[in-house]
N, C-alpha and C. Protein backbone atom coordinates (compact mmCIF):
# COMPACT_ATOMS: atom_id res chain seq x y z
N UNK A 1 0.84 -1.17 0.00
CA UNK A 1 0.00 0.00 0.00
C UNK A 1 0.89 1.23 0.00
N UNK A 2 0.38 2.32 -0.56
CA UNK A 2 1.12 3.58 -0.65
C UNK A 2 0.52 4.57 0.35
N UNK A 3 1.38 5.17 1.14
CA UNK A 3 0.98 6.13 2.18
C UNK A 3 1.55 7.50 1.83
N UNK A 4 0.75 8.55 1.95
CA UNK A 4 1.22 9.92 1.74
C UNK A 4 1.20 10.65 3.08
N UNK A 5 2.27 11.41 3.34
CA UNK A 5 2.38 12.17 4.58
C UNK A 5 2.67 13.62 4.21
N UNK A 6 1.82 14.57 4.63
CA UNK A 6 2.11 15.98 4.35
C UNK A 6 3.26 16.47 5.23
N UNK A 7 4.15 17.26 4.64
CA UNK A 7 5.32 17.77 5.35
C UNK A 7 5.42 19.29 5.23
N UNK A 8 6.09 19.89 6.22
CA UNK A 8 6.37 21.32 6.13
C UNK A 8 7.71 21.53 5.43
N UNK A 9 8.18 22.77 5.36
CA UNK A 9 9.43 23.08 4.66
C UNK A 9 10.65 22.43 5.32
N UNK A 10 10.55 22.10 6.60
CA UNK A 10 11.65 21.46 7.31
C UNK A 10 11.53 19.93 7.29
N UNK A 11 10.58 19.43 6.52
CA UNK A 11 10.30 17.99 6.36
C UNK A 11 9.79 17.33 7.64
N UNK A 12 9.15 18.11 8.48
CA UNK A 12 8.46 17.56 9.66
C UNK A 12 7.00 17.32 9.26
N UNK A 13 6.32 16.44 9.99
CA UNK A 13 4.91 16.16 9.71
C UNK A 13 4.12 17.46 9.85
N UNK A 14 3.32 17.75 8.84
CA UNK A 14 2.52 18.98 8.80
C UNK A 14 1.17 18.71 9.44
N UNK A 15 0.80 19.52 10.43
CA UNK A 15 -0.41 19.24 11.20
C UNK A 15 -1.61 20.10 10.86
N UNK A 16 -1.51 20.91 9.82
CA UNK A 16 -2.65 21.71 9.39
C UNK A 16 -3.28 21.05 8.16
N UNK A 17 -4.22 21.73 7.54
CA UNK A 17 -4.89 21.21 6.35
C UNK A 17 -3.85 20.79 5.31
N UNK A 18 -3.87 19.54 4.85
CA UNK A 18 -2.85 19.08 3.91
C UNK A 18 -2.82 19.88 2.60
N UNK A 19 -3.90 20.57 2.27
CA UNK A 19 -3.91 21.39 1.06
C UNK A 19 -2.89 22.52 1.15
N UNK A 20 -2.50 22.90 2.37
CA UNK A 20 -1.58 24.02 2.55
C UNK A 20 -0.17 23.60 2.94
N UNK A 21 0.14 22.30 2.88
CA UNK A 21 1.50 21.85 3.24
C UNK A 21 2.49 22.20 2.13
N UNK A 22 3.77 22.04 2.42
CA UNK A 22 4.81 22.31 1.43
C UNK A 22 5.00 21.15 0.46
N UNK A 23 4.99 19.92 0.99
CA UNK A 23 5.26 18.75 0.16
C UNK A 23 4.62 17.51 0.77
N UNK A 24 4.63 16.45 0.00
CA UNK A 24 4.14 15.16 0.45
C UNK A 24 5.24 14.13 0.29
N UNK A 25 5.42 13.31 1.31
CA UNK A 25 6.37 12.21 1.24
C UNK A 25 5.57 10.93 1.06
N UNK A 26 5.98 10.14 0.08
CA UNK A 26 5.25 8.92 -0.25
C UNK A 26 6.06 7.71 0.20
N UNK A 27 5.37 6.76 0.85
CA UNK A 27 6.00 5.53 1.35
C UNK A 27 5.22 4.32 0.89
N UNK A 28 5.93 3.24 0.65
CA UNK A 28 5.31 1.96 0.37
C UNK A 28 5.41 1.12 1.63
N UNK A 29 4.28 0.55 2.07
CA UNK A 29 4.23 -0.31 3.25
C UNK A 29 3.82 -1.70 2.78
N UNK A 30 4.60 -2.72 3.17
CA UNK A 30 4.28 -4.08 2.74
C UNK A 30 4.72 -5.07 3.81
N UNK A 31 4.28 -6.31 3.66
CA UNK A 31 4.66 -7.38 4.59
C UNK A 31 3.45 -7.98 5.26
N UNK A 32 3.73 -8.78 6.31
CA UNK A 32 2.66 -9.38 7.09
C UNK A 32 2.72 -8.85 8.52
N UNK A 33 1.80 -9.23 9.35
CA UNK A 33 1.67 -8.66 10.71
C UNK A 33 2.93 -8.80 11.56
N UNK A 34 3.76 -9.78 11.28
CA UNK A 34 4.98 -10.01 12.08
C UNK A 34 6.23 -9.44 11.41
N UNK A 35 6.10 -8.90 10.21
CA UNK A 35 7.25 -8.33 9.51
C UNK A 35 6.77 -7.28 8.51
N UNK A 36 6.60 -6.06 8.98
CA UNK A 36 6.15 -4.95 8.14
C UNK A 36 7.37 -4.14 7.73
N UNK A 37 7.47 -3.86 6.45
CA UNK A 37 8.57 -3.06 5.92
C UNK A 37 7.98 -1.82 5.25
N UNK A 38 8.69 -0.70 5.39
CA UNK A 38 8.29 0.51 4.67
C UNK A 38 9.52 1.10 4.00
N UNK A 39 9.28 1.72 2.86
CA UNK A 39 10.37 2.38 2.16
C UNK A 39 9.88 3.68 1.55
N UNK A 40 10.77 4.65 1.56
CA UNK A 40 10.46 5.95 0.98
C UNK A 40 10.47 5.81 -0.54
N UNK A 41 9.42 6.27 -1.18
CA UNK A 41 9.35 6.21 -2.64
C UNK A 41 9.85 7.53 -3.22
N UNK A 42 9.21 8.62 -2.79
CA UNK A 42 9.58 9.95 -3.28
C UNK A 42 8.92 11.03 -2.45
N UNK A 43 9.43 12.23 -2.60
CA UNK A 43 8.82 13.40 -1.98
C UNK A 43 8.46 14.35 -3.11
N UNK A 44 7.21 14.80 -3.12
CA UNK A 44 6.73 15.67 -4.19
C UNK A 44 6.22 16.98 -3.60
N UNK A 45 6.46 18.05 -4.32
CA UNK A 45 5.99 19.38 -3.94
C UNK A 45 4.47 19.44 -4.07
N UNK A 46 3.81 20.05 -3.11
CA UNK A 46 2.37 20.29 -3.18
C UNK A 46 2.11 21.13 -4.43
N UNK A 47 1.14 20.75 -5.27
CA UNK A 47 0.86 21.54 -6.47
C UNK A 47 0.54 23.00 -6.15
N UNK A 48 -0.10 23.24 -5.01
CA UNK A 48 -0.41 24.62 -4.63
C UNK A 48 0.84 25.39 -4.27
N UNK A 49 1.85 24.72 -3.75
CA UNK A 49 3.13 25.35 -3.45
C UNK A 49 3.86 25.66 -4.76
N UNK A 50 3.81 24.71 -5.67
CA UNK A 50 4.49 24.85 -6.96
C UNK A 50 3.96 26.05 -7.74
N UNK A 51 2.65 26.25 -7.70
CA UNK A 51 2.04 27.31 -8.49
C UNK A 51 1.68 28.55 -7.66
N UNK A 52 2.17 28.60 -6.41
CA UNK A 52 1.89 29.73 -5.49
C UNK A 52 0.40 30.01 -5.41
N UNK A 53 -0.38 28.99 -5.22
CA UNK A 53 -1.84 29.12 -5.18
C UNK A 53 -2.37 29.61 -3.84
N UNK A 54 -3.67 29.88 -3.81
CA UNK A 54 -4.33 30.40 -2.62
C UNK A 54 -4.26 29.45 -1.43
N UNK A 55 -4.26 28.16 -1.69
CA UNK A 55 -4.30 27.18 -0.61
C UNK A 55 -3.12 27.33 0.36
N UNK A 56 -1.94 27.65 -0.14
CA UNK A 56 -0.77 27.74 0.74
C UNK A 56 -0.58 29.12 1.32
N UNK A 57 -1.24 30.13 0.77
CA UNK A 57 -1.04 31.50 1.25
C UNK A 57 -2.15 32.00 2.16
N UNK A 58 -3.29 31.37 2.16
CA UNK A 58 -4.44 31.83 2.92
C UNK A 58 -4.49 31.16 4.29
N UNK A 59 -4.40 31.94 5.39
CA UNK A 59 -4.45 31.35 6.73
C UNK A 59 -5.74 30.57 7.00
N UNK A 60 -6.84 30.94 6.36
CA UNK A 60 -8.10 30.20 6.55
C UNK A 60 -8.00 28.79 5.98
N UNK A 61 -7.28 28.65 4.89
CA UNK A 61 -7.12 27.33 4.30
C UNK A 61 -6.20 26.46 5.18
N UNK A 62 -5.20 27.10 5.75
CA UNK A 62 -4.27 26.39 6.61
C UNK A 62 -4.98 25.81 7.83
N UNK A 63 -5.91 26.58 8.37
CA UNK A 63 -6.59 26.16 9.59
C UNK A 63 -7.93 25.48 9.34
N UNK A 64 -8.21 25.11 8.09
CA UNK A 64 -9.44 24.38 7.73
C UNK A 64 -10.70 25.19 8.03
N UNK A 65 -10.62 26.49 7.85
CA UNK A 65 -11.78 27.34 8.16
C UNK A 65 -12.38 27.93 6.89
N UNK A 66 -12.76 27.08 5.97
CA UNK A 66 -13.43 27.57 4.78
C UNK A 66 -14.76 28.19 5.22
N UNK A 67 -15.03 29.41 4.79
CA UNK A 67 -16.31 30.03 5.11
C UNK A 67 -17.42 29.21 4.48
N UNK A 68 -18.59 29.23 5.08
CA UNK A 68 -19.68 28.36 4.60
C UNK A 68 -20.00 28.60 3.13
N UNK A 69 -19.96 29.83 2.68
CA UNK A 69 -20.23 30.11 1.27
C UNK A 69 -19.11 29.55 0.39
N UNK A 70 -17.87 29.74 0.83
CA UNK A 70 -16.72 29.26 0.07
C UNK A 70 -16.69 27.74 0.04
N UNK A 71 -17.05 27.11 1.15
CA UNK A 71 -17.01 25.66 1.25
C UNK A 71 -17.98 24.99 0.27
N UNK A 72 -19.00 25.72 -0.15
CA UNK A 72 -20.00 25.17 -1.09
C UNK A 72 -19.76 25.62 -2.53
N UNK A 73 -18.76 26.46 -2.74
CA UNK A 73 -18.45 26.97 -4.07
C UNK A 73 -17.81 25.86 -4.91
N UNK A 74 -18.38 25.51 -6.06
CA UNK A 74 -17.84 24.42 -6.88
C UNK A 74 -16.36 24.62 -7.26
N UNK A 75 -15.95 25.85 -7.52
CA UNK A 75 -14.55 26.09 -7.86
C UNK A 75 -13.65 25.77 -6.67
N UNK A 76 -14.06 26.22 -5.49
CA UNK A 76 -13.26 25.95 -4.29
C UNK A 76 -13.20 24.44 -4.00
N UNK A 77 -14.31 23.78 -4.15
CA UNK A 77 -14.33 22.32 -3.94
C UNK A 77 -13.35 21.65 -4.89
N UNK A 78 -13.35 22.08 -6.14
CA UNK A 78 -12.45 21.46 -7.12
C UNK A 78 -10.99 21.74 -6.81
N UNK A 79 -10.70 22.84 -6.10
CA UNK A 79 -9.31 23.14 -5.73
C UNK A 79 -8.70 22.03 -4.88
N UNK A 80 -9.51 21.35 -4.08
CA UNK A 80 -9.01 20.28 -3.22
C UNK A 80 -8.55 19.06 -4.03
N UNK A 81 -9.09 18.91 -5.22
CA UNK A 81 -8.71 17.78 -6.07
C UNK A 81 -7.33 17.96 -6.69
N UNK A 82 -6.76 19.17 -6.63
CA UNK A 82 -5.42 19.40 -7.17
C UNK A 82 -4.38 18.53 -6.48
N UNK A 83 -4.62 18.17 -5.23
CA UNK A 83 -3.68 17.32 -4.50
C UNK A 83 -3.50 15.97 -5.18
N UNK A 84 -4.50 15.53 -5.91
CA UNK A 84 -4.44 14.22 -6.57
C UNK A 84 -3.34 14.17 -7.63
N UNK A 85 -2.91 15.34 -8.10
CA UNK A 85 -1.79 15.40 -9.03
C UNK A 85 -0.55 14.74 -8.40
N UNK A 86 -0.44 14.86 -7.09
CA UNK A 86 0.72 14.35 -6.36
C UNK A 86 0.42 13.05 -5.62
N UNK A 87 -0.73 12.95 -4.97
CA UNK A 87 -1.01 11.80 -4.10
C UNK A 87 -2.09 10.88 -4.66
N UNK A 88 -2.45 11.05 -5.90
CA UNK A 88 -3.55 10.29 -6.50
C UNK A 88 -3.39 8.79 -6.49
N UNK A 89 -2.16 8.29 -6.42
CA UNK A 89 -1.94 6.84 -6.44
C UNK A 89 -1.81 6.25 -5.05
N UNK A 90 -1.96 7.07 -4.01
CA UNK A 90 -1.80 6.53 -2.65
C UNK A 90 -3.11 5.91 -2.16
N UNK A 91 -2.99 5.06 -1.15
CA UNK A 91 -4.15 4.42 -0.54
C UNK A 91 -4.63 5.17 0.68
N UNK A 92 -3.67 5.79 1.41
CA UNK A 92 -3.98 6.47 2.66
C UNK A 92 -3.21 7.77 2.75
N UNK A 93 -3.88 8.80 3.25
CA UNK A 93 -3.27 10.09 3.54
C UNK A 93 -3.26 10.26 5.05
N UNK A 94 -2.08 10.41 5.63
CA UNK A 94 -1.96 10.60 7.08
C UNK A 94 -2.09 12.09 7.37
N UNK A 95 -3.08 12.48 8.18
CA UNK A 95 -3.35 13.89 8.45
C UNK A 95 -3.69 14.11 9.92
N UNK A 96 -3.57 15.35 10.35
CA UNK A 96 -4.02 15.75 11.68
C UNK A 96 -5.33 16.51 11.52
N UNK A 97 -5.30 17.61 10.78
CA UNK A 97 -6.49 18.43 10.57
C UNK A 97 -6.83 18.44 9.08
N UNK A 98 -8.11 18.52 8.78
CA UNK A 98 -8.54 18.61 7.39
C UNK A 98 -9.96 19.15 7.36
N UNK A 99 -10.33 19.75 6.24
CA UNK A 99 -11.68 20.28 6.09
C UNK A 99 -12.57 19.22 5.42
N UNK A 100 -13.85 19.45 5.42
CA UNK A 100 -14.79 18.50 4.81
C UNK A 100 -14.54 18.32 3.32
N UNK A 101 -14.15 19.40 2.64
CA UNK A 101 -13.89 19.28 1.20
C UNK A 101 -12.69 18.38 0.93
N UNK A 102 -11.68 18.42 1.79
CA UNK A 102 -10.54 17.51 1.65
C UNK A 102 -11.01 16.08 1.88
N UNK A 103 -11.80 15.88 2.91
CA UNK A 103 -12.34 14.55 3.20
C UNK A 103 -13.12 14.01 2.01
N UNK A 104 -14.03 14.81 1.47
CA UNK A 104 -14.86 14.36 0.35
C UNK A 104 -14.02 14.10 -0.90
N UNK A 105 -13.05 14.96 -1.18
CA UNK A 105 -12.20 14.78 -2.37
C UNK A 105 -11.43 13.47 -2.28
N UNK A 106 -10.87 13.19 -1.12
CA UNK A 106 -10.09 11.95 -0.96
C UNK A 106 -11.01 10.73 -0.98
N UNK A 107 -12.16 10.84 -0.31
CA UNK A 107 -13.11 9.73 -0.26
C UNK A 107 -13.64 9.39 -1.65
N UNK A 108 -13.86 10.41 -2.47
CA UNK A 108 -14.40 10.19 -3.82
C UNK A 108 -13.46 9.40 -4.72
N UNK A 109 -12.17 9.41 -4.41
CA UNK A 109 -11.21 8.67 -5.25
C UNK A 109 -10.64 7.45 -4.51
N UNK A 110 -11.19 7.15 -3.34
CA UNK A 110 -10.80 5.95 -2.62
C UNK A 110 -9.58 6.08 -1.72
N UNK A 111 -9.17 7.31 -1.41
CA UNK A 111 -8.05 7.51 -0.50
C UNK A 111 -8.60 7.65 0.92
N UNK A 112 -8.12 6.81 1.82
CA UNK A 112 -8.56 6.87 3.21
C UNK A 112 -7.72 7.89 3.97
N UNK A 113 -8.33 8.53 4.95
CA UNK A 113 -7.61 9.46 5.82
C UNK A 113 -7.34 8.77 7.15
N UNK A 114 -6.11 8.87 7.61
CA UNK A 114 -5.74 8.34 8.93
C UNK A 114 -5.30 9.51 9.78
N UNK A 115 -6.02 9.73 10.87
CA UNK A 115 -5.73 10.86 11.74
C UNK A 115 -4.52 10.55 12.62
N UNK A 116 -3.60 11.51 12.68
CA UNK A 116 -2.39 11.35 13.47
C UNK A 116 -2.41 12.41 14.58
N UNK A 117 -1.99 12.07 15.80
CA UNK A 117 -2.02 13.05 16.89
C UNK A 117 -0.97 14.15 16.72
N UNK A 118 -1.18 15.29 17.36
CA UNK A 118 -0.28 16.44 17.18
C UNK A 118 1.14 16.23 17.70
N UNK A 119 1.37 15.24 18.54
CA UNK A 119 2.72 15.05 19.07
C UNK A 119 3.62 14.28 18.10
N UNK A 120 3.08 13.74 17.03
CA UNK A 120 3.87 13.03 16.02
C UNK A 120 4.58 14.07 15.16
N UNK A 121 5.90 13.98 15.11
CA UNK A 121 6.70 15.00 14.41
C UNK A 121 7.44 14.48 13.18
N UNK A 122 7.83 13.21 13.17
CA UNK A 122 8.63 12.69 12.06
C UNK A 122 7.81 11.72 11.21
N UNK A 123 8.28 11.50 10.00
CA UNK A 123 7.58 10.55 9.13
C UNK A 123 7.64 9.14 9.70
N UNK A 124 8.75 8.79 10.34
CA UNK A 124 8.86 7.46 10.96
C UNK A 124 7.80 7.28 12.05
N UNK A 125 7.64 8.30 12.90
CA UNK A 125 6.60 8.23 13.94
C UNK A 125 5.21 8.14 13.32
N UNK A 126 4.97 8.89 12.25
CA UNK A 126 3.67 8.87 11.59
C UNK A 126 3.39 7.49 10.99
N UNK A 127 4.39 6.90 10.36
CA UNK A 127 4.22 5.56 9.79
C UNK A 127 3.97 4.53 10.88
N UNK A 128 4.74 4.58 11.96
CA UNK A 128 4.54 3.64 13.07
C UNK A 128 3.14 3.79 13.66
N UNK A 129 2.70 5.03 13.84
CA UNK A 129 1.36 5.29 14.39
C UNK A 129 0.30 4.70 13.46
N UNK A 130 0.45 4.91 12.17
CA UNK A 130 -0.51 4.39 11.21
C UNK A 130 -0.53 2.85 11.23
N UNK A 131 0.65 2.24 11.16
CA UNK A 131 0.73 0.78 11.07
C UNK A 131 0.15 0.11 12.31
N UNK A 132 0.43 0.66 13.48
CA UNK A 132 -0.14 0.11 14.72
C UNK A 132 -1.63 0.45 14.82
N UNK A 133 -1.98 1.71 14.54
CA UNK A 133 -3.38 2.15 14.64
C UNK A 133 -4.31 1.43 13.69
N UNK A 134 -3.83 1.13 12.50
CA UNK A 134 -4.65 0.43 11.51
C UNK A 134 -4.57 -1.09 11.70
N UNK A 135 -3.87 -1.52 12.74
CA UNK A 135 -3.72 -2.93 13.08
C UNK A 135 -3.12 -3.75 11.95
N UNK A 136 -2.14 -3.15 11.26
CA UNK A 136 -1.42 -3.86 10.22
C UNK A 136 -0.33 -4.72 10.86
N UNK A 137 0.27 -4.20 11.94
CA UNK A 137 1.29 -4.95 12.69
C UNK A 137 0.81 -5.14 14.12
N UNK A 138 1.30 -6.20 14.76
CA UNK A 138 0.93 -6.49 16.14
C UNK A 138 1.71 -5.65 17.14
N UNK A 139 2.92 -5.26 16.79
CA UNK A 139 3.79 -4.57 17.75
C UNK A 139 4.82 -3.74 16.99
N UNK A 140 5.32 -2.69 17.62
CA UNK A 140 6.33 -1.85 16.98
C UNK A 140 7.58 -2.62 16.58
N UNK A 141 7.92 -3.64 17.32
CA UNK A 141 9.15 -4.40 16.98
C UNK A 141 9.06 -5.12 15.64
N UNK A 142 7.84 -5.21 15.08
CA UNK A 142 7.66 -5.87 13.80
C UNK A 142 7.73 -4.90 12.61
N UNK A 143 8.00 -3.61 12.88
CA UNK A 143 8.01 -2.59 11.84
C UNK A 143 9.46 -2.16 11.57
N UNK A 144 9.89 -2.24 10.31
CA UNK A 144 11.27 -1.93 9.95
C UNK A 144 11.34 -1.17 8.64
N UNK A 145 12.31 -0.26 8.52
CA UNK A 145 12.57 0.32 7.19
C UNK A 145 13.09 -0.77 6.27
N UNK A 146 12.71 -0.71 5.01
CA UNK A 146 13.22 -1.69 4.03
C UNK A 146 14.70 -1.44 3.81
N UNK A 147 15.46 -2.50 3.59
CA UNK A 147 16.90 -2.35 3.37
C UNK A 147 17.19 -1.89 1.97
């Protein structure tokens, strides 16, 4: 399975709306419950960052506070689908905060959202949290980076 993790400019786990993150790190997770391996596939720039779009510059987008009128605007809703340019092939997006339009956009294409707590700072911690939380592995000792 392919996992996407939103990151900030310092490559720490981004805890705001993923539409406003700097980049996404993609990982492949495979194995069985007693031997889970993960490997970094690539890191891609958020399309909104690449094109200096509203999503990365607007504090309301960062904090998932789309105004009710904006949240129902078809153009604004479609803006959330731009993330699929980068994470469209992933199975799960690891997030802390997200708006309903992000949820609906990901759900419509079959990407599951896994909520991560605010104390998770690194991609390794986020992956471990996901693998244990989703009951893919029985214990942390069964989770290893791929060689």
